[in-house]
């Protein structure tokens, strides 16, 4: 899975033009990059994980937060989050994980707006 992740990161960099710091997608890498107030929540949530299926979603969520936390300003933070969204989506597709099409997202948004 490491090769799939590295390919997803490279594809996301190419697609988004992201040039910021790329946080390692490991417990140590994420924990180090998070702001202190987020770090406590990260380790608390890590302690509650019961299965490996939840671990991938946990890493994806907190990796995105770590990228945002390590960005030097608001514009860079937005770029980091966009990059992370693409990387996680490409990775999910590569490993056969759950994916959602743009049409499905549009339908969900339209349904939420109608509510």
PDB file of N, CA and C in Angstrom:
ATOM      1  N   UNK A   1       0.806  -1.196   0.000  1.00  0.00           N
ATOM      2  CA  UNK A   1       0.000   0.000   0.000  1.00  0.00           C
ATOM      3  C   UNK A   1       0.849   1.259   0.000  1.00  0.00           C
ATOM      4  N   UNK A   2       2.096   1.139   0.395  1.00  0.00           N
ATOM      5  CA  UNK A   2       2.961   2.326   0.412  1.00  0.00           C
ATOM      6  C   UNK A   2       3.157   2.879  -0.996  1.00  0.00           C
ATOM      7  N   UNK A   3       3.297   1.985  -1.970  1.00  0.00           N
ATOM      8  CA  UNK A   3       3.483   2.444  -3.353  1.00  0.00           C
ATOM      9  C   UNK A   3       2.236   3.159  -3.852  1.00  0.00           C
ATOM     10  N   UNK A   4       1.056   2.630  -3.507  1.00  0.00           N
ATOM     11  CA  UNK A   4      -0.189   3.275  -3.916  1.00  0.00           C
ATOM     12  C   UNK A   4      -0.302   4.670  -3.312  1.00  0.00           C
ATOM     13  N   UNK A   5       0.105   4.794  -2.043  1.00  0.00           N
ATOM     14  CA  UNK A   5       0.040   6.099  -1.383  1.00  0.00           C
ATOM     15  C   UNK A   5       0.999   7.086  -2.053  1.00  0.00           C
ATOM     16  N   UNK A   6       2.216   6.662  -2.309  1.00  0.00           N
ATOM     17  CA  UNK A   6       3.183   7.558  -2.949  1.00  0.00           C
ATOM     18  C   UNK A   6       2.718   7.970  -4.343  1.00  0.00           C
ATOM     19  N   UNK A   7       2.118   7.046  -5.084  1.00  0.00           N
ATOM     20  CA  UNK A   7       1.574   7.382  -6.403  1.00  0.00           C
ATOM     21  C   UNK A   7       0.423   8.374  -6.282  1.00  0.00           C
ATOM     22  N   UNK A   8      -0.426   8.186  -5.282  1.00  0.00           N
ATOM     23  CA  UNK A   8      -1.558   9.097  -5.072  1.00  0.00           C
ATOM     24  C   UNK A   8      -1.067  10.497  -4.731  1.00  0.00           C
ATOM     25  N   UNK A   9      -0.045  10.590  -3.897  1.00  0.00           N
ATOM     26  CA  UNK A   9       0.520  11.895  -3.530  1.00  0.00           C
ATOM     27  C   UNK A   9       1.114  12.572  -4.759  1.00  0.00           C
ATOM     28  N   UNK A  10       1.854  11.818  -5.558  1.00  0.00           N
ATOM     29  CA  UNK A  10       2.455  12.394  -6.770  1.00  0.00           C
ATOM     30  C   UNK A  10       1.375  12.873  -7.739  1.00  0.00           C
ATOM     31  N   UNK A  11       0.327  12.076  -7.911  1.00  0.00           N
ATOM     32  CA  UNK A  11      -0.761  12.462  -8.812  1.00  0.00           C
ATOM     33  C   UNK A  11      -1.483  13.705  -8.287  1.00  0.00           C
ATOM     34  N   UNK A  12      -1.688  13.764  -6.982  1.00  0.00           N
ATOM     35  CA  UNK A  12      -2.359  14.926  -6.386  1.00  0.00           C
ATOM     36  C   UNK A  12      -1.500  16.180  -6.511  1.00  0.00           C
ATOM     37  N   UNK A  13      -0.192  16.033  -6.341  1.00  0.00           N
ATOM     38  CA  UNK A  13       0.704  17.186  -6.519  1.00  0.00           C
ATOM     39  C   UNK A  13       0.616  17.711  -7.945  1.00  0.00           C
ATOM     40  N   UNK A  14       0.627  16.800  -8.891  1.00  0.00           N
ATOM     41  CA  UNK A  14       0.559  17.200 -10.293  1.00  0.00           C
ATOM     42  C   UNK A  14      -0.782  17.868 -10.602  1.00  0.00           C
ATOM     43  N   UNK A  15      -1.857  17.309 -10.070  1.00  0.00           N
ATOM     44  CA  UNK A  15      -3.197  17.831 -10.360  1.00  0.00           C
ATOM     45  C   UNK A  15      -3.451  19.185  -9.711  1.00  0.00           C
ATOM     46  N   UNK A  16      -2.897  19.391  -8.517  1.00  0.00           N
ATOM     47  CA  UNK A  16      -3.194  20.622  -7.771  1.00  0.00           C
ATOM     48  C   UNK A  16      -2.080  21.652  -7.827  1.00  0.00           C
ATOM     49  N   UNK A  17      -0.881  21.234  -8.205  1.00  0.00           N
ATOM     50  CA  UNK A  17       0.256  22.148  -8.193  1.00  0.00           C
ATOM     51  C   UNK A  17       0.766  22.435  -6.793  1.00  0.00           C
ATOM     52  N   UNK A  18       0.404  21.597  -5.831  1.00  0.00           N
ATOM     53  CA  UNK A  18       0.801  21.809  -4.436  1.00  0.00           C
ATOM     54  C   UNK A  18       2.314  21.727  -4.289  1.00  0.00           C
ATOM     55  N   UNK A  19       2.891  22.737  -3.637  1.00  0.00           N
ATOM     56  CA  UNK A  19       4.342  22.776  -3.425  1.00  0.00           C
ATOM     57  C   UNK A  19       4.711  22.874  -1.950  1.00  0.00           C
ATOM     58  N   UNK A  20       3.716  22.785  -1.080  1.00  0.00           N
ATOM     59  CA  UNK A  20       3.980  22.902   0.352  1.00  0.00           C
ATOM     60  C   UNK A  20       4.612  21.648   0.929  1.00  0.00           C
ATOM     61  N   UNK A  21       4.853  21.713   2.222  1.00  0.00           N
ATOM     62  CA  UNK A  21       5.431  20.579   2.942  1.00  0.00           C
ATOM     63  C   UNK A  21       4.433  19.422   2.958  1.00  0.00           C
ATOM     64  N   UNK A  22       4.918  18.231   2.645  1.00  0.00           N
ATOM     65  CA  UNK A  22       4.065  17.048   2.693  1.00  0.00           C
ATOM     66  C   UNK A  22       4.375  16.284   3.974  1.00  0.00           C
ATOM     67  N   UNK A  23       3.389  16.229   4.833  1.00  0.00           N
ATOM     68  CA  UNK A  23       3.506  15.529   6.109  1.00  0.00           C
ATOM     69  C   UNK A  23       3.501  14.028   5.841  1.00  0.00           C
ATOM     70  N   UNK A  24       4.364  13.298   6.528  1.00  0.00           N
ATOM     71  CA  UNK A  24       4.352  11.834   6.404  1.00  0.00           C
ATOM     72  C   UNK A  24       3.023  11.308   6.952  1.00  0.00           C
ATOM     73  N   UNK A  25       2.423  10.371   6.256  1.00  0.00           N
ATOM     74  CA  UNK A  25       1.123   9.811   6.665  1.00  0.00           C
ATOM     75  C   UNK A  25       1.357   8.619   7.590  1.00  0.00           C
ATOM     76  N   UNK A  26       1.960   8.931   8.740  1.00  0.00           N
ATOM     77  CA  UNK A  26       2.213   7.961   9.801  1.00  0.00           C
ATOM     78  C   UNK A  26       1.757   8.595  11.105  1.00  0.00           C
ATOM     79  N   UNK A  27       1.578   7.793  12.125  1.00  0.00           N
ATOM     80  CA  UNK A  27       1.181   8.341  13.424  1.00  0.00           C
ATOM     81  C   UNK A  27       2.209   9.361  13.889  1.00  0.00           C
ATOM     82  N   UNK A  28       3.478   9.030  13.779  1.00  0.00           N
ATOM     83  CA  UNK A  28       4.529   9.956  14.214  1.00  0.00           C
ATOM     84  C   UNK A  28       4.547  11.227  13.357  1.00  0.00           C
ATOM     85  N   UNK A  29       4.484  11.070  12.042  1.00  0.00           N
ATOM     86  CA  UNK A  29       4.526  12.229  11.151  1.00  0.00           C
ATOM     87  C   UNK A  29       3.362  13.171  11.379  1.00  0.00           C
ATOM     88  N   UNK A  30       2.176  12.609  11.501  1.00  0.00           N
ATOM     89  CA  UNK A  30       0.981  13.420  11.727  1.00  0.00           C
ATOM     90  C   UNK A  30       1.037  14.074  13.101  1.00  0.00           C
ATOM     91  N   UNK A  31       1.356  13.285  14.122  1.00  0.00           N
ATOM     92  CA  UNK A  31       1.412  13.826  15.482  1.00  0.00           C
ATOM     93  C   UNK A  31       2.375  14.987  15.608  1.00  0.00           C
ATOM     94  N   UNK A  32       3.506  14.894  14.946  1.00  0.00           N
ATOM     95  CA  UNK A  32       4.510  15.959  14.993  1.00  0.00           C
ATOM     96  C   UNK A  32       4.030  17.223  14.290  1.00  0.00           C
ATOM     97  N   UNK A  33       3.283  17.078  13.194  1.00  0.00           N
ATOM     98  CA  UNK A  33       2.868  18.234  12.393  1.00  0.00           C
ATOM     99  C   UNK A  33       1.641  18.955  12.949  1.00  0.00           C
ATOM    100  N   UNK A  34       0.871  18.287  13.788  1.00  0.00           N
ATOM    101  CA  UNK A  34      -0.347  18.906  14.310  1.00  0.00           C
ATOM    102  C   UNK A  34      -0.041  20.009  15.318  1.00  0.00           C
ATOM    103  N   UNK A  35      -0.924  21.018  15.337  1.00  0.00           N
ATOM    104  CA  UNK A  35      -0.849  22.032  16.395  1.00  0.00           C
ATOM    105  C   UNK A  35      -1.117  21.324  17.718  1.00  0.00           C
ATOM    106  N   UNK A  36      -0.629  21.898  18.804  1.00  0.00           N
ATOM    107  CA  UNK A  36      -0.771  21.255  20.112  1.00  0.00           C
ATOM    108  C   UNK A  36      -2.226  20.972  20.472  1.00  0.00           C
ATOM    109  N   UNK A  37      -3.131  21.912  20.187  1.00  0.00           N
ATOM    110  CA  UNK A  37      -4.531  21.685  20.542  1.00  0.00           C
ATOM    111  C   UNK A  37      -5.145  20.536  19.740  1.00  0.00           C
ATOM    112  N   UNK A  38      -4.692  20.313  18.538  1.00  0.00           N
ATOM    113  CA  UNK A  38      -5.180  19.183  17.744  1.00  0.00           C
ATOM    114  C   UNK A  38      -4.470  17.886  18.122  1.00  0.00           C
ATOM    115  N   UNK A  39      -3.229  17.996  18.541  1.00  0.00           N
ATOM    116  CA  UNK A  39      -2.438  16.807  18.865  1.00  0.00           C
ATOM    117  C   UNK A  39      -3.081  15.979  19.976  1.00  0.00           C
ATOM    118  N   UNK A  40      -3.602  16.647  20.991  1.00  0.00           N
ATOM    119  CA  UNK A  40      -4.245  15.927  22.095  1.00  0.00           C
ATOM    120  C   UNK A  40      -5.455  15.143  21.596  1.00  0.00           C
ATOM    121  N   UNK A  41      -6.259  15.761  20.737  1.00  0.00           N
ATOM    122  CA  UNK A  41      -7.428  15.074  20.175  1.00  0.00           C
ATOM    123  C   UNK A  41      -7.007  13.893  19.306  1.00  0.00           C
ATOM    124  N   UNK A  42      -5.943  14.080  18.541  1.00  0.00           N
ATOM    125  CA  UNK A  42      -5.417  13.027  17.675  1.00  0.00           C
ATOM    126  C   UNK A  42      -5.049  11.783  18.488  1.00  0.00           C
ATOM    127  N   UNK A  43      -4.257  11.966  19.543  1.00  0.00           N
ATOM    128  CA  UNK A  43      -3.826  10.816  20.332  1.00  0.00           C
ATOM    129  C   UNK A  43      -4.976  10.211  21.129  1.00  0.00           C
ATOM    130  N   UNK A  44      -5.928  11.035  21.557  1.00  0.00           N
ATOM    131  CA  UNK A  44      -7.098  10.502  22.256  1.00  0.00           C
ATOM    132  C   UNK A  44      -7.921   9.617  21.319  1.00  0.00           C
ATOM    133  N   UNK A  45      -8.131  10.086  20.093  1.00  0.00           N
ATOM    134  CA  UNK A  45      -8.890   9.296  19.124  1.00  0.00           C
ATOM    135  C   UNK A  45      -8.131   8.029  18.738  1.00  0.00           C
ATOM    136  N   UNK A  46      -6.830   8.130  18.598  1.00  0.00           N
ATOM    137  CA  UNK A  46      -6.013   6.958  18.273  1.00  0.00           C
ATOM    138  C   UNK A  46      -6.221   5.861  19.313  1.00  0.00           C
ATOM    139  N   UNK A  47      -6.316   6.252  20.570  1.00  0.00           N
ATOM    140  CA  UNK A  47      -6.497   5.285  21.646  1.00  0.00           C
ATOM    141  C   UNK A  47      -7.840   4.585  21.638  1.00  0.00           C
ATOM    142  N   UNK A  48      -8.808   5.113  20.901  1.00  0.00           N
ATOM    143  CA  UNK A  48     -10.142   4.512  20.874  1.00  0.00           C
ATOM    144  C   UNK A  48     -10.384   3.625  19.658  1.00  0.00           C
ATOM    145  N   UNK A  49      -9.439   3.583  18.728  1.00  0.00           N
ATOM    146  CA  UNK A  49      -9.646   2.786  17.512  1.00  0.00           C
ATOM    147  C   UNK A  49      -9.717   1.307  17.851  1.00  0.00           C
ATOM    148  N   UNK A  50     -10.739   0.662  17.321  1.00  0.00           N
ATOM    149  CA  UNK A  50     -10.939  -0.749  17.634  1.00  0.00           C
ATOM    150  C   UNK A  50     -10.539  -1.680  16.491  1.00  0.00           C
ATOM    151  N   UNK A  51     -10.553  -1.181  15.257  1.00  0.00           N
ATOM    152  CA  UNK A  51     -10.238  -2.072  14.140  1.00  0.00           C
ATOM    153  C   UNK A  51      -9.401  -1.351  13.099  1.00  0.00           C
ATOM    154  N   UNK A  52      -8.760  -2.133  12.248  1.00  0.00           N
ATOM    155  CA  UNK A  52      -7.874  -1.546  11.245  1.00  0.00           C
ATOM    156  C   UNK A  52      -8.645  -0.827  10.149  1.00  0.00           C
ATOM    157  N   UNK A  53      -9.907  -1.190   9.915  1.00  0.00           N
ATOM    158  CA  UNK A  53     -10.713  -0.505   8.913  1.00  0.00           C
ATOM    159  C   UNK A  53     -10.894   0.962   9.253  1.00  0.00           C
ATOM    160  N   UNK A  54     -11.066   1.250  10.507  1.00  0.00           N
ATOM    161  CA  UNK A  54     -11.201   2.629  10.952  1.00  0.00           C
ATOM    162  C   UNK A  54      -9.883   3.372  10.945  1.00  0.00           C
ATOM    163  N   UNK A  55      -8.785   2.639  10.967  1.00  0.00           N
ATOM    164  CA  UNK A  55      -7.473   3.280  11.027  1.00  0.00           C
ATOM    165  C   UNK A  55      -7.170   4.068   9.760  1.00  0.00           C
ATOM    166  N   UNK A  56      -7.542   3.544   8.597  1.00  0.00           N
ATOM    167  CA  UNK A  56      -7.299   4.266   7.340  1.00  0.00           C
ATOM    168  C   UNK A  56      -8.062   5.585   7.314  1.00  0.00           C
ATOM    169  N   UNK A  57      -9.324   5.556   7.714  1.00  0.00           N
ATOM    170  CA  UNK A  57     -10.127   6.785   7.754  1.00  0.00           C
ATOM    171  C   UNK A  57      -9.540   7.761   8.769  1.00  0.00           C
ATOM    172  N   UNK A  58      -9.090   7.239   9.893  1.00  0.00           N
ATOM    173  CA  UNK A  58      -8.446   8.050  10.928  1.00  0.00           C
ATOM    174  C   UNK A  58      -7.204   8.737  10.365  1.00  0.00           C
ATOM    175  N   UNK A  59      -6.343   7.972   9.691  1.00  0.00           N
ATOM    176  CA  UNK A  59      -5.135   8.557   9.102  1.00  0.00           C
ATOM    177  C   UNK A  59      -5.477   9.615   8.062  1.00  0.00           C
ATOM    178  N   UNK A  60      -6.448   9.323   7.215  1.00  0.00           N
ATOM    179  CA  UNK A  60      -6.828  10.285   6.180  1.00  0.00           C
ATOM    180  C   UNK A  60      -7.292  11.608   6.787  1.00  0.00           C
ATOM    181  N   UNK A  61      -8.155  11.510   7.778  1.00  0.00           N
ATOM    182  CA  UNK A  61      -8.680  12.721   8.419  1.00  0.00           C
ATOM    183  C   UNK A  61      -7.567  13.535   9.072  1.00  0.00           C
ATOM    184  N   UNK A  62      -6.769  12.876   9.878  1.00  0.00           N
ATOM    185  CA  UNK A  62      -5.754  13.611  10.636  1.00  0.00           C
ATOM    186  C   UNK A  62      -4.576  14.036   9.767  1.00  0.00           C
ATOM    187  N   UNK A  63      -4.294  13.307   8.696  1.00  0.00           N
ATOM    188  CA  UNK A  63      -3.247  13.739   7.763  1.00  0.00           C
ATOM    189  C   UNK A  63      -3.647  15.053   7.118  1.00  0.00           C
ATOM    190  N   UNK A  64      -4.912  15.145   6.715  1.00  0.00           N
ATOM    191  CA  UNK A  64      -5.413  16.397   6.140  1.00  0.00           C
ATOM    192  C   UNK A  64      -5.285  17.528   7.146  1.00  0.00           C
ATOM    193  N   UNK A  65      -5.651  17.267   8.399  1.00  0.00           N
ATOM    194  CA  UNK A  65      -5.546  18.301   9.433  1.00  0.00           C
ATOM    195  C   UNK A  65      -4.091  18.690   9.667  1.00  0.00           C
ATOM    196  N   UNK A  66      -3.193  17.722   9.648  1.00  0.00           N
ATOM    197  CA  UNK A  66      -1.770  18.016   9.849  1.00  0.00           C
ATOM    198  C   UNK A  66      -1.224  18.889   8.724  1.00  0.00           C
ATOM    199  N   UNK A  67      -1.637  18.621   7.493  1.00  0.00           N
ATOM    200  CA  UNK A  67      -1.223  19.472   6.373  1.00  0.00           C
ATOM    201  C   UNK A  67      -1.727  20.894   6.579  1.00  0.00           C
ATOM    202  N   UNK A  68      -2.982  21.026   6.985  1.00  0.00           N
ATOM    203  CA  UNK A  68      -3.551  22.359   7.228  1.00  0.00           C
ATOM    204  C   UNK A  68      -2.815  23.060   8.360  1.00  0.00           C
ATOM    205  N   UNK A  69      -2.526  22.328   9.435  1.00  0.00           N
ATOM    206  CA  UNK A  69      -1.840  22.925  10.588  1.00  0.00           C
ATOM    207  C   UNK A  69      -0.422  23.365  10.254  1.00  0.00           C
ATOM    208  N   UNK A  70       0.227  22.681   9.332  1.00  0.00           N
ATOM    209  CA  UNK A  70       1.618  23.020   9.016  1.00  0.00           C
ATOM    210  C   UNK A  70       1.732  24.098   7.942  1.00  0.00           C
ATOM    211  N   UNK A  71       0.607  24.517   7.384  1.00  0.00           N
ATOM    212  CA  UNK A  71       0.627  25.571   6.356  1.00  0.00           C
ATOM    213  C   UNK A  71       0.925  26.925   7.005  1.00  0.00           C
ATOM    214  N   UNK A  72       1.713  27.766   6.331  1.00  0.00           N
ATOM    215  CA  UNK A  72       2.134  29.033   6.936  1.00  0.00           C
ATOM    216  C   UNK A  72       1.071  30.132   6.955  1.00  0.00           C
ATOM    217  N   UNK A  73       0.008  30.006   6.139  1.00  0.00           N
ATOM    218  CA  UNK A  73      -1.017  31.055   6.114  1.00  0.00           C
ATOM    219  C   UNK A  73      -2.319  30.486   5.551  1.00  0.00           C
ATOM    220  N   UNK A  74      -3.342  31.323   5.505  1.00  0.00           N
ATOM    221  CA  UNK A  74      -4.660  30.881   5.066  1.00  0.00           C
ATOM    222  C   UNK A  74      -4.707  30.357   3.649  1.00  0.00           C
ATOM    223  N   UNK A  75      -4.048  31.046   2.720  1.00  0.00           N
ATOM    224  CA  UNK A  75      -4.039  30.580   1.327  1.00  0.00           C
ATOM    225  C   UNK A  75      -3.347  29.228   1.208  1.00  0.00           C
ATOM    226  N   UNK A  76      -2.220  29.100   1.876  1.00  0.00           N
ATOM    227  CA  UNK A  76      -1.482  27.832   1.849  1.00  0.00           C
ATOM    228  C   UNK A  76      -2.300  26.726   2.504  1.00  0.00           C
ATOM    229  N   UNK A  77      -3.064  27.069   3.528  1.00  0.00           N
ATOM    230  CA  UNK A  77      -3.915  26.089   4.204  1.00  0.00           C
ATOM    231  C   UNK A  77      -4.977  25.555   3.232  1.00  0.00           C
ATOM    232  N   UNK A  78      -5.607  26.454   2.482  1.00  0.00           N
ATOM    233  CA  UNK A  78      -6.607  26.021   1.493  1.00  0.00           C
ATOM    234  C   UNK A  78      -5.979  25.116   0.436  1.00  0.00           C
ATOM    235  N   UNK A  79      -4.796  25.486  -0.038  1.00  0.00           N
ATOM    236  CA  UNK A  79      -4.096  24.666  -1.028  1.00  0.00           C
ATOM    237  C   UNK A  79      -3.761  23.291  -0.457  1.00  0.00           C
ATOM    238  N   UNK A  80      -3.344  23.256   0.807  1.00  0.00           N
ATOM    239  CA  UNK A  80      -2.995  21.988   1.450  1.00  0.00           C
ATOM    240  C   UNK A  80      -4.215  21.082   1.571  1.00  0.00           C
ATOM    241  N   UNK A  81      -5.347  21.657   1.940  1.00  0.00           N
ATOM    242  CA  UNK A  81      -6.565  20.857   2.079  1.00  0.00           C
ATOM    243  C   UNK A  81      -7.036  20.349   0.717  1.00  0.00           C
ATOM    244  N   UNK A  82      -6.971  21.190  -0.309  1.00  0.00           N
ATOM    245  CA  UNK A  82      -7.333  20.740  -1.664  1.00  0.00           C
ATOM    246  C   UNK A  82      -6.435  19.585  -2.105  1.00  0.00           C
ATOM    247  N   UNK A  83      -5.135  19.734  -1.873  1.00  0.00           N
ATOM    248  CA  UNK A  83      -4.174  18.685  -2.209  1.00  0.00           C
ATOM    249  C   UNK A  83      -4.501  17.392  -1.453  1.00  0.00           C
ATOM    250  N   UNK A  84      -4.775  17.516  -0.160  1.00  0.00           N
ATOM    251  CA  UNK A  84      -5.082  16.341   0.655  1.00  0.00           C
ATOM    252  C   UNK A  84      -6.342  15.644   0.164  1.00  0.00           C
ATOM    253  N   UNK A  85      -7.360  16.420  -0.182  1.00  0.00           N
ATOM    254  CA  UNK A  85      -8.601  15.823  -0.690  1.00  0.00           C
ATOM    255  C   UNK A  85      -8.344  14.995  -1.946  1.00  0.00           C
ATOM    256  N   UNK A  86      -7.546  15.536  -2.852  1.00  0.00           N
ATOM    257  CA  UNK A  86      -7.238  14.809  -4.088  1.00  0.00           C
ATOM    258  C   UNK A  86      -6.407  13.566  -3.775  1.00  0.00           C
ATOM    259  N   UNK A  87      -5.390  13.704  -2.940  1.00  0.00           N
ATOM    260  CA  UNK A  87      -4.527  12.565  -2.612  1.00  0.00           C
ATOM    261  C   UNK A  87      -5.321  11.430  -1.976  1.00  0.00           C
ATOM    262  N   UNK A  88      -6.177  11.760  -1.028  1.00  0.00           N
ATOM    263  CA  UNK A  88      -6.971  10.735  -0.348  1.00  0.00           C
ATOM    264  C   UNK A  88      -7.945  10.075  -1.323  1.00  0.00           C
ATOM    265  N   UNK A  89      -8.548  10.855  -2.201  1.00  0.00           N
ATOM    266  CA  UNK A  89      -9.476  10.297  -3.191  1.00  0.00           C
ATOM    267  C   UNK A  89      -8.768   9.368  -4.170  1.00  0.00           C
ATOM    268  N   UNK A  90      -7.618   9.796  -4.663  1.00  0.00           N
ATOM    269  CA  UNK A  90      -6.847   8.968  -5.599  1.00  0.00           C
ATOM    270  C   UNK A  90      -6.406   7.680  -4.912  1.00  0.00           C
ATOM    271  N   UNK A  91      -5.973   7.779  -3.669  1.00  0.00           N
ATOM    272  CA  UNK A  91      -5.542   6.605  -2.915  1.00  0.00           C
ATOM    273  C   UNK A  91      -6.713   5.638  -2.700  1.00  0.00           C
ATOM    274  N   UNK A  92      -7.866   6.173  -2.321  1.00  0.00           N
ATOM    275  CA  UNK A  92      -9.039   5.319  -2.100  1.00  0.00           C
ATOM    276  C   UNK A  92      -9.392   4.559  -3.374  1.00  0.00           C
ATOM    277  N   UNK A  93      -9.343   5.247  -4.488  1.00  0.00           N
ATOM    278  CA  UNK A  93      -9.638   4.601  -5.771  1.00  0.00           C
ATOM    279  C   UNK A  93      -8.602   3.508  -6.067  1.00  0.00           C
ATOM    280  N   UNK A  94      -7.333   3.780  -5.780  1.00  0.00           N
ATOM    281  CA  UNK A  94      -6.253   2.835  -6.090  1.00  0.00           C
ATOM    282  C   UNK A  94      -6.343   1.553  -5.275  1.00  0.00           C
ATOM    283  N   UNK A  95      -6.806   1.654  -4.039  1.00  0.00           N
ATOM    284  CA  UNK A  95      -6.858   0.471  -3.176  1.00  0.00           C
ATOM    285  C   UNK A  95      -8.260  -0.130  -3.089  1.00  0.00           C
ATOM    286  N   UNK A  96      -9.150   0.343  -3.956  1.00  0.00           N
ATOM    287  CA  UNK A  96     -10.494  -0.220  -3.989  1.00  0.00           C
ATOM    288  C   UNK A  96     -11.364   0.207  -2.829  1.00  0.00           C
ATOM    289  N   UNK A  97     -11.027   1.327  -2.219  1.00  0.00           N
ATOM    290  CA  UNK A  97     -11.817   1.838  -1.104  1.00  0.00           C
ATOM    291  C   UNK A  97     -13.074   2.530  -1.573  1.00  0.00           C
ATOM    292  N   UNK A  98     -13.859   3.020  -0.628  1.00  0.00           N
ATOM    293  CA  UNK A  98     -15.098   3.700  -1.000  1.00  0.00           C
ATOM    294  C   UNK A  98     -14.810   5.001  -1.738  1.00  0.00           C
ATOM    295  N   UNK A  99     -15.511   5.197  -2.825  1.00  0.00           N
ATOM    296  CA  UNK A  99     -15.372   6.428  -3.593  1.00  0.00           C
ATOM    297  C   UNK A  99     -16.758   6.959  -3.914  1.00  0.00           C
ATOM    298  N   UNK A 100     -16.823   8.226  -4.195  1.00  0.00           N
ATOM    299  CA  UNK A 100     -18.079   8.875  -4.540  1.00  0.00           C
ATOM    300  C   UNK A 100     -17.839   9.660  -5.815  1.00  0.00           C
ATOM    301  N   UNK A 101     -18.770   9.573  -6.752  1.00  0.00           N
ATOM    302  CA  UNK A 101     -18.629  10.330  -7.991  1.00  0.00           C
ATOM    303  C   UNK A 101     -19.072  11.769  -7.771  1.00  0.00           C
ATOM    304  N   UNK A 102     -18.676  12.644  -8.677  1.00  0.00           N
ATOM    305  CA  UNK A 102     -19.095  14.043  -8.580  1.00  0.00           C
ATOM    306  C   UNK A 102     -20.612  14.151  -8.667  1.00  0.00           C
ATOM    307  N   UNK A 103     -21.241  13.324  -9.482  1.00  0.00           N
ATOM    308  CA  UNK A 103     -22.704  13.340  -9.597  1.00  0.00           C
ATOM    309  C   UNK A 103     -23.363  12.984  -8.263  1.00  0.00           C
ATOM    310  N   UNK A 104     -22.786  12.011  -7.551  1.00  0.00           N
ATOM    311  CA  UNK A 104     -23.326  11.637  -6.242  1.00  0.00           C
ATOM    312  C   UNK A 104     -23.149  12.765  -5.233  1.00  0.00           C
ATOM    313  N   UNK A 105     -22.013  13.436  -5.280  1.00  0.00           N
ATOM    314  CA  UNK A 105     -21.780  14.574  -4.387  1.00  0.00           C
ATOM    315  C   UNK A 105     -22.775  15.684  -4.689  1.00  0.00           C
ATOM    316  N   UNK A 106     -22.965  15.993  -5.973  1.00  0.00           N
ATOM    317  CA  UNK A 106     -23.916  17.035  -6.368  1.00  0.00           C
ATOM    318  C   UNK A 106     -25.323  16.702  -5.882  1.00  0.00           C
ATOM    319  N   UNK A 107     -25.716  15.433  -6.000  1.00  0.00           N
ATOM    320  CA  UNK A 107     -27.045  15.016  -5.551  1.00  0.00           C
ATOM    321  C   UNK A 107     -27.186  15.163  -4.038  1.00  0.00           C
ATOM    322  N   UNK A 108     -26.139  14.810  -3.300  1.00  0.00           N
ATOM    323  CA  UNK A 108     -26.172  14.969  -1.845  1.00  0.00           C
ATOM    324  C   UNK A 108     -26.289  16.435  -1.456  1.00  0.00           C
ATOM    325  N   UNK A 109     -25.518  17.289  -2.117  1.00  0.00           N
ATOM    326  CA  UNK A 109     -25.560  18.720  -1.829  1.00  0.00           C
ATOM    327  C   UNK A 109     -26.933  19.284  -2.173  1.00  0.00           C
ATOM    328  N   UNK A 110     -27.470  18.898  -3.318  1.00  0.00           N
ATOM    329  CA  UNK A 110     -28.793  19.381  -3.729  1.00  0.00           C
ATOM    330  C   UNK A 110     -29.857  18.934  -2.735  1.00  0.00           C
ATOM    331  N   UNK A 111     -29.743  17.716  -2.248  1.00  0.00           N
ATOM    332  CA  UNK A 111     -30.690  17.216  -1.251  1.00  0.00           C
ATOM    333  C   UNK A 111     -30.588  17.971   0.055  1.00  0.00           C
ATOM    334  N   UNK A 112     -29.372  18.315   0.455  1.00  0.00           N
ATOM    335  CA  UNK A 112     -29.163  19.070   1.693  1.00  0.00           C
ATOM    336  C   UNK A 112     -29.712  20.477   1.562  1.00  0.00           C
ATOM    337  N   UNK A 113     -29.557  21.073   0.378  1.00  0.00           N
ATOM    338  CA  UNK A 113     -30.058  22.429   0.162  1.00  0.00           C
ATOM    339  C   UNK A 113     -31.577  22.453   0.126  1.00  0.00           C
ATOM    340  N   UNK A 114     -32.194  21.366  -0.338  1.00  0.00           N
ATOM    341  CA  UNK A 114     -33.650  21.311  -0.419  1.00  0.00           C
ATOM    342  C   UNK A 114     -34.282  21.093   0.949  1.00  0.00           C
ATOM    343  N   UNK A 115     -33.517  20.545   1.874  1.00  0.00           N
ATOM    344  CA  UNK A 115     -34.047  20.246   3.211  1.00  0.00           C
ATOM    345  C   UNK A 115     -34.301  21.479   4.022  1.00  0.00           C
TER     346      UNK A 115
END
